[in-house]
Amino acid sequence: MDAPTPRYQTGIEVASLIVGPALMSIGDLFHPPESWDVAAQYSMIAATSASGRWHMAHLLLFIGMLLFVPGILAMTRAVANRSPAAGYAARILLLIAVGALSAVFSFEMVLGHFVSSGADQAAAIALLATFQSGAVFGALMPALLAFFVGVAIAAVTLASKPGPYRWPVLTLALGAAFILGEIILAQVLLSQIGNVLCLVAGIGFALPLLRGRGEVPA
């Protein structure tokens, strides 16, 4: 039998499950509209970068994602208690996605500062087009998709049987579906809904940990 989780670890995981998604939800609520058209996207960035809104949105998303890492480890530990192979796969995929999403958020901050510092419109559009090219964004895409595959593995594993994490993981999967829709359609409202659902899921995962009702290994 595994040793009980230390109280300090539980505290860190509970805080991560709530604070990380909360910061991402707030950041996404700040987020201006988006478009896959680079000229339209430049206009949206230029209209909001001077106020700091563009930068603040992506800074909160970036910090929230990093703070969510202990929560990811807690969630995938619950998956591993059901199926060690599924838990391992979900953990690796979600951590890969943290790196890719952090890269995207970092570029968005760079782009916002580039525009707000008075960069030439043509240069800013060229920079954005380069990031969206197959050579750059195409390389990031498999790592971004790893998030959704990892969530799907967790959802199938934890929702297959009754337990304290069934509804939290289904809520997480629904939130991930909304976020995927935002990536495809460039509709920020979808990711705003998705991040709020991820926050609800994070709270749902945190409560059993606080109550000491997390599942034990089979």
Protein backbone atom coordinates (compact mmCIF):
# COMPACT_ATOMS: atom_id res chain seq x y z
CA MET A 1 0.00 0.00 0.00
CA ASP A 2 1.25 3.48 -0.84
CA ALA A 3 2.16 5.86 2.00
CA PRO A 4 -0.44 8.56 2.73
CA THR A 5 0.07 11.84 0.90
CA PRO A 6 1.84 14.37 3.19
CA ARG A 7 -0.35 17.23 4.36
CA TYR A 8 1.91 19.85 2.77
CA GLN A 9 1.59 18.08 -0.58
CA THR A 10 -2.17 17.92 -0.28
CA GLY A 11 -2.25 21.64 0.54
CA ILE A 12 -0.14 22.50 -2.50
CA GLU A 13 -2.28 20.31 -4.77
CA VAL A 14 -5.56 21.74 -3.49
CA ALA A 15 -4.28 25.30 -3.95
CA SER A 16 -3.04 24.44 -7.43
CA LEU A 17 -6.34 22.88 -8.49
CA ILE A 18 -8.18 26.07 -7.55
CA VAL A 19 -5.72 28.95 -8.03
CA GLY A 20 -4.31 27.80 -11.37
CA PRO A 21 -7.66 27.49 -13.19
CA ALA A 22 -8.95 30.62 -11.43
CA LEU A 23 -6.10 32.72 -12.82
CA MET A 24 -6.61 31.23 -16.28
CA SER A 25 -10.33 31.98 -16.09
CA ILE A 26 -9.68 35.59 -15.09
CA GLY A 27 -7.05 35.97 -17.79
CA ASP A 28 -9.38 34.62 -20.45
CA LEU A 29 -12.16 36.96 -19.33
CA PHE A 30 -9.72 39.83 -20.03
CA HIS A 31 -8.86 38.35 -23.44
CA PRO A 32 -9.78 40.47 -26.47
CA PRO A 33 -11.44 38.90 -29.52
CA GLU A 34 -9.30 36.73 -31.79
CA SER A 35 -9.15 35.86 -35.47
CA TRP A 36 -7.14 33.47 -37.61
CA ASP A 37 -6.83 36.31 -40.14
CA VAL A 38 -3.49 37.94 -39.32
CA ALA A 39 -4.52 41.46 -40.41
CA ALA A 40 -7.69 41.34 -38.33
CA GLN A 41 -5.77 39.89 -35.38
CA TYR A 42 -3.21 42.70 -35.61
CA SER A 43 -5.99 45.29 -35.44
CA MET A 44 -7.42 43.64 -32.32
CA ILE A 45 -4.01 43.53 -30.64
CA ALA A 46 -3.24 47.14 -31.58
CA ALA A 47 -6.55 48.30 -30.14
CA THR A 48 -5.91 46.68 -26.74
CA SER A 49 -2.15 46.38 -26.25
CA ALA A 50 -1.62 50.01 -25.16
CA SER A 51 -4.01 49.52 -22.22
CA GLY A 52 -2.14 46.40 -21.15
CA ARG A 53 -5.22 44.22 -21.58
CA TRP A 54 -3.59 41.90 -24.12
CA HIS A 55 -0.48 41.44 -21.99
CA MET A 56 -2.37 40.96 -18.72
CA ALA A 57 -4.67 38.34 -20.24
CA HIS A 58 -1.76 36.20 -21.43
CA LEU A 59 0.33 36.79 -18.31
CA LEU A 60 -2.49 35.43 -16.14
CA LEU A 61 -2.97 32.49 -18.50
CA PHE A 62 0.78 31.78 -18.37
CA ILE A 63 1.07 32.00 -14.57
CA GLY A 64 -2.15 30.03 -14.08
CA MET A 65 -0.91 27.24 -16.33
CA LEU A 66 2.37 26.92 -14.42
CA LEU A 67 0.60 26.96 -11.04
CA PHE A 68 -1.71 24.22 -12.30
CA VAL A 69 1.14 21.69 -12.56
CA PRO A 70 0.79 20.25 -9.01
CA GLY A 71 -2.94 19.94 -9.66
CA ILE A 72 -2.26 18.03 -12.86
CA LEU A 73 -0.05 15.65 -10.90
CA ALA A 74 -2.83 15.15 -8.34
CA MET A 75 -5.43 14.47 -11.02
CA THR A 76 -3.26 12.02 -12.89
CA ARG A 77 -2.42 10.27 -9.62
CA ALA A 78 -6.14 9.63 -9.22
CA VAL A 79 -6.16 8.22 -12.76
CA ALA A 80 -3.16 6.03 -11.96
CA ASN A 81 -4.98 4.64 -8.92
CA ARG A 82 -7.53 3.24 -11.37
CA SER A 83 -5.08 2.33 -14.14
CA PRO A 84 -1.32 2.86 -13.80
CA ALA A 85 -0.81 2.86 -17.57
CA ALA A 86 -3.59 5.39 -18.18
CA GLY A 87 -2.36 7.58 -15.34
CA TYR A 88 1.18 7.57 -16.69
CA ALA A 89 0.02 8.39 -20.22
CA ALA A 90 -2.28 11.19 -19.06
CA ARG A 91 0.47 12.67 -16.87
CA ILE A 92 3.04 12.72 -19.67
CA LEU A 93 0.61 14.15 -22.23
CA LEU A 94 -0.66 16.91 -19.93
CA LEU A 95 2.86 17.96 -18.93
CA ILE A 96 3.86 18.08 -22.59
CA ALA A 97 0.86 20.34 -23.20
CA VAL A 98 1.92 22.66 -20.35
CA GLY A 99 5.15 23.34 -22.24
CA ALA A 100 3.37 24.00 -25.53
CA LEU A 101 0.69 26.24 -24.01
CA SER A 102 3.35 28.18 -22.12
CA ALA A 103 5.17 28.76 -25.40
CA VAL A 104 1.97 30.09 -27.00
CA PHE A 105 1.21 32.42 -24.07
CA SER A 106 4.81 33.69 -24.05
CA PHE A 107 4.68 34.49 -27.76
CA GLU A 108 1.39 36.32 -27.31
CA MET A 109 3.02 38.50 -24.64
CA VAL A 110 6.00 39.19 -26.92
CA LEU A 111 3.66 40.07 -29.77
CA GLY A 112 1.65 42.45 -27.59
CA HIS A 113 4.78 44.29 -26.46
CA PHE A 114 6.07 44.35 -30.03
CA VAL A 115 2.90 46.08 -31.21
CA SER A 116 2.58 48.45 -28.24
CA SER A 117 6.20 49.57 -28.60
CA GLY A 118 5.34 51.07 -31.98
CA ALA A 119 6.47 48.30 -34.30
CA ASP A 120 5.62 48.69 -37.96
CA GLN A 121 2.29 47.11 -38.88
CA ALA A 122 3.79 45.08 -41.69
CA ALA A 123 6.51 43.75 -39.37
CA ALA A 124 3.98 42.78 -36.70
CA ILE A 125 1.76 41.02 -39.23
CA ALA A 126 4.81 39.20 -40.62
CA LEU A 127 5.78 38.08 -37.11
CA LEU A 128 2.27 36.78 -36.40
CA ALA A 129 2.10 35.05 -39.79
CA THR A 130 5.43 33.37 -39.08
CA PHE A 131 4.15 32.07 -35.76
CA GLN A 132 0.99 30.73 -37.40
CA SER A 133 2.96 29.02 -40.17
CA GLY A 134 3.26 25.29 -40.46
CA ALA A 135 6.94 25.48 -39.55
CA VAL A 136 6.19 26.99 -36.11
CA PHE A 137 2.56 26.45 -35.11
CA GLY A 138 2.55 23.14 -36.94
CA ALA A 139 5.39 21.98 -34.69
CA LEU A 140 3.47 23.08 -31.59
CA MET A 141 0.18 21.52 -32.65
CA PRO A 142 0.89 17.90 -31.61
CA ALA A 143 1.95 19.11 -28.15
CA LEU A 144 -1.17 21.28 -27.87
CA LEU A 145 -3.35 18.33 -28.87
CA ALA A 146 -1.65 16.29 -26.14
CA PHE A 147 -3.74 18.26 -23.61
CA PHE A 148 -7.00 17.04 -25.10
CA VAL A 149 -5.81 13.46 -25.47
CA GLY A 150 -4.57 13.46 -21.88
CA VAL A 151 -7.90 14.80 -20.60
CA ALA A 152 -9.76 12.20 -22.68
CA ILE A 153 -7.71 9.37 -21.16
CA ALA A 154 -8.37 10.73 -17.67
CA ALA A 155 -12.10 11.09 -18.39
CA VAL A 156 -12.52 7.58 -19.75
CA THR A 157 -10.60 6.09 -16.83
CA LEU A 158 -12.24 8.00 -13.98
CA ALA A 159 -15.76 8.19 -15.37
CA SER A 160 -16.02 4.49 -16.17
CA LYS A 161 -16.86 3.63 -12.56
CA PRO A 162 -18.54 5.52 -9.69
CA GLY A 163 -16.20 7.54 -7.53
CA PRO A 164 -15.49 11.02 -6.16
CA TYR A 165 -13.80 12.15 -9.37
CA ARG A 166 -16.41 11.09 -11.94
CA TRP A 167 -18.22 14.43 -12.22
CA PRO A 168 -15.08 16.58 -11.86
CA VAL A 169 -13.35 14.74 -14.70
CA LEU A 170 -16.45 14.91 -16.92
CA THR A 171 -16.62 18.66 -16.24
CA LEU A 172 -12.93 18.94 -17.12
CA ALA A 173 -13.54 17.07 -20.37
CA LEU A 174 -16.41 19.40 -21.26
CA GLY A 175 -14.21 22.41 -20.52
CA ALA A 176 -11.46 20.98 -22.71
CA ALA A 177 -13.96 20.53 -25.55
CA PHE A 178 -14.91 24.21 -25.34
CA ILE A 179 -11.23 25.22 -25.36
CA LEU A 180 -10.61 23.04 -28.42
CA GLY A 181 -13.54 24.75 -30.09
CA GLU A 182 -11.94 28.13 -29.41
CA ILE A 183 -8.67 27.02 -30.99
CA ILE A 184 -10.50 25.86 -34.12
CA LEU A 185 -13.02 28.70 -34.45
CA ALA A 186 -11.07 31.58 -32.82
CA GLN A 187 -14.09 32.42 -30.65
CA VAL A 188 -12.81 33.59 -27.28
CA LEU A 189 -16.19 33.03 -25.62
CA LEU A 190 -15.68 29.28 -26.01
CA SER A 191 -12.39 29.26 -24.10
CA GLN A 192 -13.86 31.57 -21.47
CA ILE A 193 -16.60 29.01 -20.85
CA GLY A 194 -14.04 26.21 -21.02
CA ASN A 195 -11.72 27.76 -18.45
CA VAL A 196 -14.58 28.39 -16.03
CA LEU A 197 -15.59 24.73 -16.39
CA CYS A 198 -11.96 23.74 -15.70
CA LEU A 199 -12.10 25.84 -12.54
CA VAL A 200 -15.29 24.04 -11.46
CA ALA A 201 -13.55 20.73 -12.21
CA GLY A 202 -10.49 21.79 -10.22
CA ILE A 203 -12.67 22.54 -7.20
CA GLY A 204 -14.35 19.17 -7.69
CA PHE A 205 -10.97 17.42 -7.60
CA ALA A 206 -9.79 19.49 -4.63
CA LEU A 207 -12.72 18.76 -2.31
CA PRO A 208 -12.11 14.99 -1.96
CA LEU A 209 -8.44 15.71 -1.29
CA LEU A 210 -9.38 18.14 1.47
CA ARG A 211 -11.81 15.65 2.98
CA GLY A 212 -9.36 12.78 2.70
CA ARG A 213 -11.73 10.91 0.42
CA GLY A 214 -9.43 10.51 -2.56
CA GLU A 215 -9.42 7.05 -4.06
CA VAL A 216 -6.81 4.59 -2.88
CA PRO A 217 -4.98 2.31 -5.29
CA ALA A 218 -6.91 -0.79 -6.24
